[in-house]
Amino acid sequence: MTQTGPFPQGTITNVSGRAFALRGDDIDTDRIIPARFLKCVSFDALGAQAFADDRKELAGAHPFDQPAHAGASILVVNGNFGCGSSREHAPQALMRWGIRALVGVSFAEIFHGNCLALGIPCATATPEQILQLQDAVSADVSAEWTLDLQSRQCKNEASGSWDVGFDAGALEMLVTGRWDATSQLVARDAELQQTMAALPYLNGF
């Protein structure tokens, strides 16, 4: 199904929406969400603070400040995206800003795992392919793109398609819905209740 709605849920086989590029290698988690915002008691307000320092420095010229990019779902990045500290706030901030999928040269391992836990696919391609894709999404910021996990392509009717790759384990979890721990718990409620009923320390025996 196409991933829609405020937050991912269930199986994720493709993500559709507008796309834009964020250029540069080694963009770390401190740039994605500066450390002073980690004191929050919930993740809800983090979207507005994504790339807060970079955006302030560029005084409105940052891609996340461009009106044409508002509401976009797919972010095309370069190499080693999400490096640095392991803060889970980084993908949380991106998701709450509106990003539902990432396409890049490579992703830091812990960042990739934190994205998977939120149902955010991280697709990869060669540096040359990513540069071409960034140029393509920048040429028409109003175009609709689809990241298709089953065909392993990022595509647009007018611009064509780019072959992308996924970590095999992450791909299997996304397309089967196993990434979604909450839904799995809800689906197995009867089994959980049965197990709880048999636990002596919960039932006084």
N, C-alpha and C. Protein backbone atom coordinates (compact mmCIF):
# COMPACT_ATOMS: atom_id res chain seq x y z
N MET A 1 0.84 -1.18 0.00
CA MET A 1 0.00 0.00 0.00
C MET A 1 0.88 1.24 0.00
N THR A 2 0.33 2.37 -0.44
CA THR A 2 1.06 3.62 -0.37
C THR A 2 0.98 4.15 1.05
N GLN A 3 2.12 4.60 1.57
CA GLN A 3 2.13 5.10 2.93
C GLN A 3 1.57 6.51 2.96
N THR A 4 0.48 6.70 3.69
CA THR A 4 -0.15 8.01 3.83
C THR A 4 -0.45 8.24 5.29
N GLY A 5 -1.05 9.39 5.60
CA GLY A 5 -1.42 9.68 6.98
C GLY A 5 -0.29 10.33 7.73
N PRO A 6 -0.59 10.77 8.97
CA PRO A 6 0.41 11.52 9.74
C PRO A 6 1.63 10.70 10.12
N PHE A 7 1.45 9.42 10.40
CA PHE A 7 2.58 8.59 10.79
C PHE A 7 2.46 7.22 10.12
N PRO A 8 3.60 6.57 9.85
CA PRO A 8 3.56 5.25 9.22
C PRO A 8 2.86 4.22 10.09
N GLN A 9 2.29 3.22 9.46
CA GLN A 9 1.61 2.15 10.18
C GLN A 9 1.49 0.94 9.27
N GLY A 10 1.68 -0.26 9.84
CA GLY A 10 1.49 -1.48 9.08
C GLY A 10 2.52 -1.69 7.99
N THR A 11 2.13 -2.43 6.96
CA THR A 11 3.06 -2.74 5.87
C THR A 11 3.35 -1.49 5.04
N ILE A 12 4.58 -1.38 4.58
CA ILE A 12 4.99 -0.24 3.76
C ILE A 12 5.64 -0.80 2.50
N THR A 13 4.95 -0.65 1.38
CA THR A 13 5.48 -1.15 0.11
C THR A 13 5.88 -0.03 -0.83
N ASN A 14 5.33 1.16 -0.64
CA ASN A 14 5.79 2.31 -1.40
C ASN A 14 5.43 3.60 -0.68
N VAL A 15 6.20 4.63 -0.95
CA VAL A 15 5.96 5.95 -0.40
C VAL A 15 5.87 6.92 -1.56
N SER A 16 4.79 7.68 -1.64
CA SER A 16 4.59 8.62 -2.73
C SER A 16 4.43 10.04 -2.21
N GLY A 17 4.90 10.98 -2.98
CA GLY A 17 4.78 12.38 -2.62
C GLY A 17 5.82 13.21 -3.34
N ARG A 18 5.84 14.48 -3.04
CA ARG A 18 6.86 15.34 -3.63
C ARG A 18 8.20 15.09 -2.96
N ALA A 19 9.27 15.42 -3.67
CA ALA A 19 10.62 15.13 -3.18
C ALA A 19 11.49 16.37 -3.32
N PHE A 20 12.53 16.45 -2.49
CA PHE A 20 13.51 17.50 -2.65
C PHE A 20 14.87 17.03 -2.15
N ALA A 21 15.89 17.78 -2.51
CA ALA A 21 17.26 17.38 -2.22
C ALA A 21 17.83 18.17 -1.05
N LEU A 22 18.62 17.50 -0.25
CA LEU A 22 19.45 18.13 0.79
C LEU A 22 20.87 17.67 0.52
N ARG A 23 21.68 18.55 -0.01
CA ARG A 23 23.00 18.17 -0.51
C ARG A 23 24.07 18.28 0.58
N GLY A 24 25.04 17.36 0.50
CA GLY A 24 26.17 17.38 1.41
C GLY A 24 26.40 16.03 2.08
N ASP A 25 27.66 15.64 2.17
CA ASP A 25 28.02 14.40 2.86
C ASP A 25 28.16 14.64 4.36
N ASP A 26 28.07 13.55 5.12
CA ASP A 26 28.35 13.57 6.57
C ASP A 26 27.48 14.55 7.34
N ILE A 27 26.22 14.65 6.97
CA ILE A 27 25.29 15.47 7.75
C ILE A 27 24.90 14.68 8.99
N ASP A 28 25.33 15.19 10.14
CA ASP A 28 25.19 14.39 11.37
C ASP A 28 23.89 14.71 12.11
N THR A 29 23.64 13.90 13.15
CA THR A 29 22.38 14.03 13.88
C THR A 29 22.30 15.33 14.67
N ASP A 30 23.45 15.91 15.02
CA ASP A 30 23.42 17.18 15.74
C ASP A 30 22.96 18.31 14.82
N ARG A 31 23.23 18.17 13.53
CA ARG A 31 22.71 19.15 12.59
C ARG A 31 21.23 18.90 12.31
N ILE A 32 20.84 17.63 12.25
CA ILE A 32 19.43 17.31 12.01
C ILE A 32 18.56 17.84 13.14
N ILE A 33 18.99 17.61 14.38
CA ILE A 33 18.26 18.14 15.54
C ILE A 33 19.28 18.51 16.61
N PRO A 34 19.57 19.79 16.81
CA PRO A 34 20.58 20.22 17.78
C PRO A 34 20.30 19.72 19.19
N ALA A 35 21.36 19.54 19.94
CA ALA A 35 21.28 18.88 21.25
C ALA A 35 20.34 19.57 22.22
N ARG A 36 20.21 20.88 22.14
CA ARG A 36 19.37 21.59 23.12
C ARG A 36 17.90 21.20 23.04
N PHE A 37 17.51 20.59 21.91
CA PHE A 37 16.11 20.18 21.77
C PHE A 37 15.86 18.76 22.29
N LEU A 38 16.91 18.10 22.77
CA LEU A 38 16.74 16.73 23.26
C LEU A 38 16.07 16.67 24.63
N LYS A 39 15.89 17.82 25.27
CA LYS A 39 15.28 17.86 26.60
C LYS A 39 13.76 17.77 26.54
N CYS A 40 13.22 17.69 25.35
CA CYS A 40 11.76 17.66 25.20
C CYS A 40 11.17 16.43 25.89
N VAL A 41 9.95 16.58 26.39
CA VAL A 41 9.29 15.45 27.05
C VAL A 41 8.49 14.60 26.06
N SER A 42 8.28 15.12 24.86
CA SER A 42 7.67 14.34 23.78
C SER A 42 8.32 14.77 22.48
N PHE A 43 8.10 13.97 21.43
CA PHE A 43 8.70 14.26 20.13
C PHE A 43 7.84 15.21 19.28
N ASP A 44 6.67 15.55 19.75
CA ASP A 44 5.68 16.22 18.91
C ASP A 44 6.17 17.51 18.27
N ALA A 45 6.95 18.30 19.01
CA ALA A 45 7.35 19.62 18.51
C ALA A 45 8.68 19.61 17.75
N LEU A 46 9.27 18.43 17.59
CA LEU A 46 10.61 18.39 17.00
C LEU A 46 10.64 18.75 15.51
N GLY A 47 9.53 18.53 14.81
CA GLY A 47 9.52 18.81 13.38
C GLY A 47 9.88 20.24 13.05
N ALA A 48 9.39 21.16 13.84
CA ALA A 48 9.66 22.58 13.59
C ALA A 48 11.12 22.94 13.86
N GLN A 49 11.82 22.08 14.60
CA GLN A 49 13.21 22.37 14.96
C GLN A 49 14.23 21.61 14.11
N ALA A 50 13.77 20.84 13.14
CA ALA A 50 14.70 20.10 12.28
C ALA A 50 15.66 21.08 11.60
N PHE A 51 16.94 20.81 11.70
CA PHE A 51 18.00 21.63 11.10
C PHE A 51 17.94 23.08 11.59
N ALA A 52 17.57 23.27 12.85
CA ALA A 52 17.35 24.62 13.38
C ALA A 52 18.57 25.52 13.19
N ASP A 53 19.77 25.02 13.51
CA ASP A 53 20.96 25.87 13.42
C ASP A 53 21.35 26.13 11.97
N ASP A 54 21.29 25.11 11.13
CA ASP A 54 21.59 25.30 9.72
C ASP A 54 20.63 26.29 9.08
N ARG A 55 19.37 26.20 9.46
CA ARG A 55 18.36 27.10 8.89
C ARG A 55 18.59 28.54 9.34
N LYS A 56 18.97 28.69 10.60
CA LYS A 56 19.25 30.04 11.10
C LYS A 56 20.45 30.64 10.37
N GLU A 57 21.47 29.83 10.18
CA GLU A 57 22.70 30.31 9.52
C GLU A 57 22.43 30.71 8.06
N LEU A 58 21.55 29.97 7.39
CA LEU A 58 21.28 30.25 5.99
C LEU A 58 20.15 31.26 5.79
N ALA A 59 19.58 31.71 6.87
CA ALA A 59 18.61 32.82 6.85
C ALA A 59 17.52 32.65 5.79
N GLY A 60 16.87 31.49 5.81
CA GLY A 60 15.76 31.25 4.91
C GLY A 60 16.10 30.54 3.62
N ALA A 61 17.41 30.33 3.38
CA ALA A 61 17.82 29.69 2.13
C ALA A 61 17.96 28.17 2.25
N HIS A 62 17.77 27.63 3.44
CA HIS A 62 17.89 26.18 3.65
C HIS A 62 16.73 25.46 2.95
N PRO A 63 16.98 24.27 2.39
CA PRO A 63 15.90 23.53 1.72
C PRO A 63 14.66 23.32 2.58
N PHE A 64 14.83 23.16 3.90
CA PHE A 64 13.69 22.94 4.77
C PHE A 64 12.88 24.22 5.00
N ASP A 65 13.40 25.35 4.55
CA ASP A 65 12.68 26.61 4.67
C ASP A 65 12.02 27.05 3.37
N GLN A 66 12.21 26.31 2.30
CA GLN A 66 11.65 26.70 1.02
C GLN A 66 10.16 26.37 0.95
N PRO A 67 9.31 27.37 0.70
CA PRO A 67 7.87 27.10 0.64
C PRO A 67 7.50 26.00 -0.34
N ALA A 68 8.25 25.89 -1.43
CA ALA A 68 7.95 24.87 -2.44
C ALA A 68 8.15 23.46 -1.91
N HIS A 69 8.94 23.31 -0.85
CA HIS A 69 9.21 21.99 -0.30
C HIS A 69 8.24 21.59 0.83
N ALA A 70 7.44 22.52 1.28
CA ALA A 70 6.49 22.22 2.36
C ALA A 70 5.56 21.09 1.94
N GLY A 71 5.42 20.12 2.78
CA GLY A 71 4.55 18.98 2.49
C GLY A 71 5.20 17.87 1.70
N ALA A 72 6.49 18.03 1.36
CA ALA A 72 7.19 16.97 0.63
C ALA A 72 7.39 15.75 1.54
N SER A 73 7.48 14.58 0.92
CA SER A 73 7.56 13.33 1.67
C SER A 73 8.88 12.59 1.53
N ILE A 74 9.62 12.86 0.45
CA ILE A 74 10.83 12.10 0.15
C ILE A 74 12.02 13.04 0.13
N LEU A 75 13.05 12.71 0.89
CA LEU A 75 14.25 13.53 0.97
C LEU A 75 15.42 12.77 0.34
N VAL A 76 16.11 13.43 -0.59
CA VAL A 76 17.24 12.82 -1.29
C VAL A 76 18.53 13.43 -0.76
N VAL A 77 19.35 12.61 -0.13
CA VAL A 77 20.56 13.06 0.54
C VAL A 77 21.79 12.41 -0.08
N ASN A 78 22.96 12.71 0.48
CA ASN A 78 24.20 12.15 -0.06
C ASN A 78 24.77 11.08 0.86
N GLY A 79 26.07 11.09 1.13
CA GLY A 79 26.70 9.99 1.85
C GLY A 79 26.79 10.16 3.35
N ASN A 80 26.72 9.04 4.07
CA ASN A 80 26.89 8.99 5.52
C ASN A 80 25.91 9.90 6.24
N PHE A 81 24.69 9.93 5.76
CA PHE A 81 23.66 10.77 6.37
C PHE A 81 23.27 10.19 7.73
N GLY A 82 23.12 11.07 8.74
CA GLY A 82 22.73 10.63 10.07
C GLY A 82 23.87 10.11 10.91
N CYS A 83 25.10 10.48 10.56
CA CYS A 83 26.26 10.05 11.36
C CYS A 83 26.28 10.82 12.67
N GLY A 84 27.26 10.53 13.52
CA GLY A 84 27.37 11.23 14.80
C GLY A 84 26.68 10.47 15.91
N SER A 85 26.06 11.17 16.82
CA SER A 85 25.46 10.54 18.00
C SER A 85 24.25 9.69 17.59
N SER A 86 23.85 8.82 18.50
CA SER A 86 22.80 7.85 18.19
C SER A 86 21.40 8.36 18.48
N ARG A 87 21.23 9.65 18.71
CA ARG A 87 19.94 10.18 19.16
C ARG A 87 18.78 9.79 18.25
N GLU A 88 17.76 9.18 18.85
CA GLU A 88 16.57 8.80 18.10
C GLU A 88 15.73 10.01 17.71
N HIS A 89 16.05 11.15 18.31
CA HIS A 89 15.31 12.38 18.00
C HIS A 89 15.49 12.80 16.53
N ALA A 90 16.60 12.41 15.90
CA ALA A 90 16.87 12.87 14.53
C ALA A 90 15.82 12.37 13.54
N PRO A 91 15.58 11.05 13.43
CA PRO A 91 14.51 10.62 12.53
C PRO A 91 13.12 11.04 13.02
N GLN A 92 12.95 11.19 14.33
CA GLN A 92 11.68 11.68 14.84
C GLN A 92 11.40 13.09 14.32
N ALA A 93 12.44 13.95 14.32
CA ALA A 93 12.28 15.32 13.83
C ALA A 93 11.94 15.32 12.34
N LEU A 94 12.64 14.48 11.57
CA LEU A 94 12.37 14.41 10.14
C LEU A 94 10.94 13.93 9.88
N MET A 95 10.52 12.91 10.60
CA MET A 95 9.18 12.37 10.40
C MET A 95 8.12 13.40 10.75
N ARG A 96 8.33 14.13 11.84
CA ARG A 96 7.34 15.13 12.24
C ARG A 96 7.38 16.37 11.36
N TRP A 97 8.47 16.58 10.65
CA TRP A 97 8.48 17.64 9.65
C TRP A 97 7.65 17.21 8.43
N GLY A 98 7.62 15.90 8.17
CA GLY A 98 6.84 15.38 7.06
C GLY A 98 7.55 14.36 6.19
N ILE A 99 8.81 14.08 6.49
CA ILE A 99 9.57 13.13 5.68
C ILE A 99 9.11 11.70 5.97
N ARG A 100 8.80 10.96 4.90
CA ARG A 100 8.34 9.58 5.04
C ARG A 100 9.32 8.57 4.44
N ALA A 101 10.32 9.07 3.67
CA ALA A 101 11.30 8.17 3.08
C ALA A 101 12.56 8.95 2.76
N LEU A 102 13.70 8.26 2.81
CA LEU A 102 14.99 8.85 2.49
C LEU A 102 15.66 8.04 1.39
N VAL A 103 16.30 8.75 0.48
CA VAL A 103 17.09 8.10 -0.57
C VAL A 103 18.46 8.76 -0.53
N GLY A 104 19.52 7.96 -0.41
CA GLY A 104 20.86 8.54 -0.32
C GLY A 104 21.94 7.55 -0.70
N VAL A 105 23.17 8.02 -0.65
CA VAL A 105 24.32 7.16 -0.96
C VAL A 105 24.52 6.14 0.17
N SER A 106 24.47 6.62 1.41
CA SER A 106 24.64 5.72 2.56
C SER A 106 24.10 6.40 3.81
N PHE A 107 23.80 5.57 4.82
CA PHE A 107 23.24 6.06 6.07
C PHE A 107 24.03 5.46 7.24
N ALA A 108 24.22 6.26 8.27
CA ALA A 108 24.86 5.74 9.47
C ALA A 108 24.00 4.61 10.04
N GLU A 109 24.66 3.58 10.57
CA GLU A 109 23.95 2.36 10.95
C GLU A 109 22.88 2.59 12.01
N ILE A 110 23.21 3.32 13.07
CA ILE A 110 22.23 3.53 14.14
C ILE A 110 21.09 4.41 13.65
N PHE A 111 21.41 5.43 12.88
CA PHE A 111 20.36 6.28 12.31
C PHE A 111 19.42 5.45 11.44
N HIS A 112 19.99 4.57 10.63
CA HIS A 112 19.17 3.70 9.78
C HIS A 112 18.24 2.84 10.63
N GLY A 113 18.77 2.29 11.73
CA GLY A 113 17.94 1.47 12.61
C GLY A 113 16.83 2.27 13.27
N ASN A 114 17.13 3.51 13.66
CA ASN A 114 16.11 4.36 14.25
C ASN A 114 15.03 4.73 13.24
N CYS A 115 15.42 4.91 11.98
CA CYS A 115 14.43 5.16 10.93
C CYS A 115 13.54 3.94 10.73
N LEU A 116 14.13 2.77 10.72
CA LEU A 116 13.37 1.53 10.54
C LEU A 116 12.33 1.38 11.64
N ALA A 117 12.69 1.73 12.86
CA ALA A 117 11.76 1.62 13.98
C ALA A 117 10.56 2.54 13.83
N LEU A 118 10.68 3.56 12.97
CA LEU A 118 9.58 4.48 12.71
C LEU A 118 8.88 4.20 11.39
N GLY A 119 9.35 3.21 10.66
CA GLY A 119 8.75 2.90 9.36
C GLY A 119 9.18 3.86 8.27
N ILE A 120 10.37 4.42 8.38
CA ILE A 120 10.91 5.32 7.36
C ILE A 120 11.92 4.53 6.52
N PRO A 121 11.59 4.20 5.27
CA PRO A 121 12.54 3.46 4.42
C PRO A 121 13.76 4.32 4.09
N CYS A 122 14.92 3.69 4.08
CA CYS A 122 16.17 4.34 3.68
C CYS A 122 16.72 3.59 2.47
N ALA A 123 16.54 4.14 1.30
CA ALA A 123 17.02 3.52 0.07
C ALA A 123 18.37 4.08 -0.31
N THR A 124 19.19 3.27 -0.98
CA THR A 124 20.53 3.71 -1.37
C THR A 124 20.75 3.55 -2.87
N ALA A 125 21.68 4.35 -3.37
CA ALA A 125 22.10 4.28 -4.77
C ALA A 125 23.52 4.81 -4.85
N THR A 126 24.14 4.69 -6.00
CA THR A 126 25.52 5.14 -6.15
C THR A 126 25.59 6.66 -6.07
N PRO A 127 26.77 7.21 -5.76
CA PRO A 127 26.90 8.67 -5.71
C PRO A 127 26.45 9.35 -7.00
N GLU A 128 26.80 8.75 -8.13
CA GLU A 128 26.43 9.33 -9.42
C GLU A 128 24.91 9.32 -9.60
N GLN A 129 24.26 8.22 -9.23
CA GLN A 129 22.81 8.13 -9.36
C GLN A 129 22.11 9.14 -8.45
N ILE A 130 22.65 9.30 -7.24
CA ILE A 130 22.03 10.23 -6.30
C ILE A 130 22.15 11.67 -6.80
N LEU A 131 23.30 12.04 -7.36
CA LEU A 131 23.45 13.38 -7.92
C LEU A 131 22.44 13.61 -9.04
N GLN A 132 22.26 12.61 -9.89
CA GLN A 132 21.27 12.72 -10.97
C GLN A 132 19.86 12.86 -10.40
N LEU A 133 19.56 12.06 -9.37
CA LEU A 133 18.23 12.11 -8.77
C LEU A 133 18.00 13.45 -8.09
N GLN A 134 19.01 13.97 -7.41
CA GLN A 134 18.87 15.28 -6.78
C GLN A 134 18.59 16.37 -7.82
N ASP A 135 19.29 16.30 -8.94
CA ASP A 135 19.03 17.26 -10.02
C ASP A 135 17.61 17.12 -10.55
N ALA A 136 17.15 15.87 -10.67
CA ALA A 136 15.82 15.62 -11.20
C ALA A 136 14.72 16.15 -10.28
N VAL A 137 14.85 15.89 -8.98
CA VAL A 137 13.81 16.37 -8.06
C VAL A 137 13.85 17.89 -7.93
N SER A 138 15.03 18.48 -8.12
CA SER A 138 15.16 19.94 -8.03
C SER A 138 14.62 20.64 -9.27
N ALA A 139 14.59 19.93 -10.40
CA ALA A 139 14.14 20.53 -11.66
C ALA A 139 12.65 20.83 -11.64
N ASP A 140 11.87 20.05 -10.88
CA ASP A 140 10.44 20.28 -10.78
C ASP A 140 9.99 19.89 -9.38
N VAL A 141 9.94 20.86 -8.48
CA VAL A 141 9.64 20.57 -7.07
C VAL A 141 8.17 20.22 -6.86
N SER A 142 7.34 20.41 -7.88
CA SER A 142 5.92 20.08 -7.75
C SER A 142 5.61 18.65 -8.20
N ALA A 143 6.60 17.97 -8.76
CA ALA A 143 6.37 16.62 -9.31
C ALA A 143 6.15 15.60 -8.21
N GLU A 144 5.33 14.61 -8.51
CA GLU A 144 5.07 13.51 -7.59
C GLU A 144 6.05 12.36 -7.88
N TRP A 145 6.66 11.86 -6.84
CA TRP A 145 7.61 10.76 -6.94
C TRP A 145 7.11 9.57 -6.13
N THR A 146 7.57 8.39 -6.50
CA THR A 146 7.25 7.18 -5.74
C THR A 146 8.52 6.40 -5.46
N LEU A 147 8.72 6.07 -4.20
CA LEU A 147 9.76 5.13 -3.82
C LEU A 147 9.08 3.78 -3.67
N ASP A 148 9.33 2.89 -4.61
CA ASP A 148 8.68 1.58 -4.65
C ASP A 148 9.60 0.53 -4.05
N LEU A 149 9.23 0.01 -2.89
CA LEU A 149 10.08 -0.94 -2.20
C LEU A 149 10.09 -2.30 -2.90
N GLN A 150 9.02 -2.63 -3.60
CA GLN A 150 8.94 -3.93 -4.24
C GLN A 150 9.73 -3.99 -5.54
N SER A 151 9.64 -2.93 -6.35
CA SER A 151 10.43 -2.90 -7.58
C SER A 151 11.82 -2.32 -7.35
N ARG A 152 12.02 -1.76 -6.15
CA ARG A 152 13.29 -1.14 -5.77
C ARG A 152 13.66 -0.03 -6.75
N GLN A 153 12.73 0.90 -6.88
CA GLN A 153 12.94 2.03 -7.77
C GLN A 153 12.39 3.31 -7.13
N CYS A 154 13.04 4.42 -7.47
CA CYS A 154 12.51 5.73 -7.16
C CYS A 154 12.15 6.35 -8.51
N LYS A 155 10.89 6.71 -8.69
CA LYS A 155 10.47 7.03 -10.05
C LYS A 155 9.48 8.19 -10.10
N ASN A 156 9.47 8.79 -11.28
CA ASN A 156 8.56 9.88 -11.62
C ASN A 156 8.22 9.74 -13.10
N GLU A 157 6.98 9.96 -13.46
CA GLU A 157 6.55 9.72 -14.84
C GLU A 157 7.37 10.51 -15.85
N ALA A 158 7.63 11.78 -15.55
CA ALA A 158 8.33 12.62 -16.52
C ALA A 158 9.84 12.40 -16.52
N SER A 159 10.41 12.14 -15.34
CA SER A 159 11.87 12.07 -15.22
C SER A 159 12.44 10.67 -15.39
N GLY A 160 11.62 9.63 -15.23
CA GLY A 160 12.11 8.27 -15.34
C GLY A 160 12.26 7.61 -13.99
N SER A 161 13.09 6.58 -13.93
CA SER A 161 13.24 5.81 -12.69
C SER A 161 14.71 5.57 -12.40
N TRP A 162 15.00 5.44 -11.12
CA TRP A 162 16.34 5.14 -10.65
C TRP A 162 16.28 3.86 -9.81
N ASP A 163 17.14 2.92 -10.10
CA ASP A 163 17.23 1.71 -9.29
C ASP A 163 17.85 2.05 -7.94
N VAL A 164 17.27 1.54 -6.89
CA VAL A 164 17.78 1.77 -5.54
C VAL A 164 17.91 0.44 -4.81
N GLY A 165 18.65 0.46 -3.73
CA GLY A 165 18.82 -0.74 -2.93
C GLY A 165 18.32 -0.53 -1.51
N PHE A 166 18.09 -1.64 -0.83
CA PHE A 166 17.66 -1.62 0.56
C PHE A 166 18.42 -2.70 1.33
N ASP A 167 18.66 -2.45 2.60
CA ASP A 167 19.14 -3.53 3.44
C ASP A 167 18.10 -4.64 3.43
N ALA A 168 18.53 -5.87 3.20
CA ALA A 168 17.59 -6.97 3.01
C ALA A 168 16.69 -7.18 4.22
N GLY A 169 17.26 -7.14 5.40
CA GLY A 169 16.46 -7.34 6.60
C GLY A 169 15.46 -6.22 6.82
N ALA A 170 15.90 -4.99 6.60
CA ALA A 170 15.00 -3.85 6.77
C ALA A 170 13.87 -3.90 5.76
N LEU A 171 14.19 -4.26 4.53
CA LEU A 171 13.16 -4.34 3.49
C LEU A 171 12.10 -5.35 3.86
N GLU A 172 12.52 -6.52 4.33
CA GLU A 172 11.58 -7.56 4.70
C GLU A 172 10.67 -7.10 5.84
N MET A 173 11.23 -6.38 6.80
CA MET A 173 10.44 -5.89 7.93
C MET A 173 9.42 -4.84 7.49
N LEU A 174 9.81 -3.97 6.56
CA LEU A 174 8.91 -2.92 6.10
C LEU A 174 7.74 -3.48 5.29
N VAL A 175 8.02 -4.39 4.35
CA VAL A 175 6.95 -4.87 3.47
C VAL A 175 6.03 -5.88 4.16
N THR A 176 6.49 -6.46 5.28
CA THR A 176 5.63 -7.38 6.02
C THR A 176 4.97 -6.72 7.23
N GLY A 177 5.43 -5.52 7.57
CA GLY A 177 4.88 -4.82 8.72
C GLY A 177 5.54 -5.18 10.04
N ARG A 178 6.57 -6.02 10.01
CA ARG A 178 7.23 -6.43 11.26
C ARG A 178 8.00 -5.31 11.92
N TRP A 179 8.25 -4.21 11.20
CA TRP A 179 8.92 -3.06 11.81
C TRP A 179 8.05 -2.42 12.88
N ASP A 180 6.72 -2.59 12.77
CA ASP A 180 5.76 -1.88 13.60
C ASP A 180 5.48 -2.68 14.87
N ALA A 181 6.29 -2.45 15.90
CA ALA A 181 6.19 -3.24 17.12
C ALA A 181 4.84 -3.05 17.81
N THR A 182 4.30 -1.86 17.78
CA THR A 182 3.02 -1.60 18.45
C THR A 182 1.90 -2.41 17.80
N SER A 183 1.85 -2.40 16.47
CA SER A 183 0.81 -3.16 15.78
C SER A 183 0.95 -4.64 16.03
N GLN A 184 2.17 -5.12 16.13
CA GLN A 184 2.38 -6.53 16.41
C GLN A 184 1.86 -6.90 17.80
N LEU A 185 2.08 -6.02 18.76
CA LEU A 185 1.58 -6.27 20.11
C LEU A 185 0.05 -6.29 20.13
N VAL A 186 -0.56 -5.34 19.45
CA VAL A 186 -2.03 -5.28 19.40
C VAL A 186 -2.59 -6.53 18.73
N ALA A 187 -1.94 -6.98 17.66
CA ALA A 187 -2.42 -8.16 16.94
C ALA A 187 -2.30 -9.43 17.78
N ARG A 188 -1.39 -9.43 18.72
CA ARG A 188 -1.18 -10.62 19.55
C ARG A 188 -1.71 -10.42 20.97
N ASP A 189 -2.71 -9.57 21.10
CA ASP A 189 -3.23 -9.24 22.42
C ASP A 189 -3.71 -10.47 23.17
N ALA A 190 -4.41 -11.38 22.49
CA ALA A 190 -4.93 -12.57 23.17
C ALA A 190 -3.79 -13.42 23.73
N GLU A 191 -2.73 -13.58 22.95
CA GLU A 191 -1.58 -14.35 23.43
C GLU A 191 -0.91 -13.67 24.61
N LEU A 192 -0.81 -12.34 24.55
CA LEU A 192 -0.20 -11.60 25.64
C LEU A 192 -1.02 -11.73 26.92
N GLN A 193 -2.35 -11.62 26.78
CA GLN A 193 -3.21 -11.75 27.95
C GLN A 193 -3.09 -13.15 28.56
N GLN A 194 -2.98 -14.16 27.72
CA GLN A 194 -2.84 -15.54 28.20
C GLN A 194 -1.53 -15.70 28.95
N THR A 195 -0.46 -15.13 28.40
CA THR A 195 0.83 -15.21 29.07
C THR A 195 0.80 -14.49 30.41
N MET A 196 0.21 -13.31 30.43
CA MET A 196 0.13 -12.54 31.67
C MET A 196 -0.65 -13.29 32.74
N ALA A 197 -1.70 -13.95 32.31
CA ALA A 197 -2.53 -14.69 33.27
C ALA A 197 -1.78 -15.85 33.91
N ALA A 198 -0.73 -16.33 33.23
CA ALA A 198 0.02 -17.46 33.75
C ALA A 198 1.23 -17.04 34.57
N LEU A 199 1.49 -15.75 34.67
CA LEU A 199 2.66 -15.29 35.41
C LEU A 199 2.37 -15.22 36.90
N PRO A 200 3.08 -16.00 37.71
CA PRO A 200 2.77 -16.05 39.15
C PRO A 200 2.94 -14.71 39.85
N TYR A 201 3.92 -13.93 39.46
CA TYR A 201 4.17 -12.67 40.17
C TYR A 201 3.13 -11.60 39.83
N LEU A 202 2.29 -11.83 38.82
CA LEU A 202 1.21 -10.92 38.52
C LEU A 202 -0.12 -11.40 39.07
N ASN A 203 -0.17 -12.66 39.49
CA ASN A 203 -1.44 -13.24 39.87
C ASN A 203 -1.46 -13.84 41.29
N GLY A 204 -0.43 -13.57 42.05
CA GLY A 204 -0.42 -13.97 43.46
C GLY A 204 -0.30 -15.44 43.70
N PHE A 205 0.31 -16.17 42.78
CA PHE A 205 0.51 -17.61 43.04
C PHE A 205 1.87 -18.02 42.52
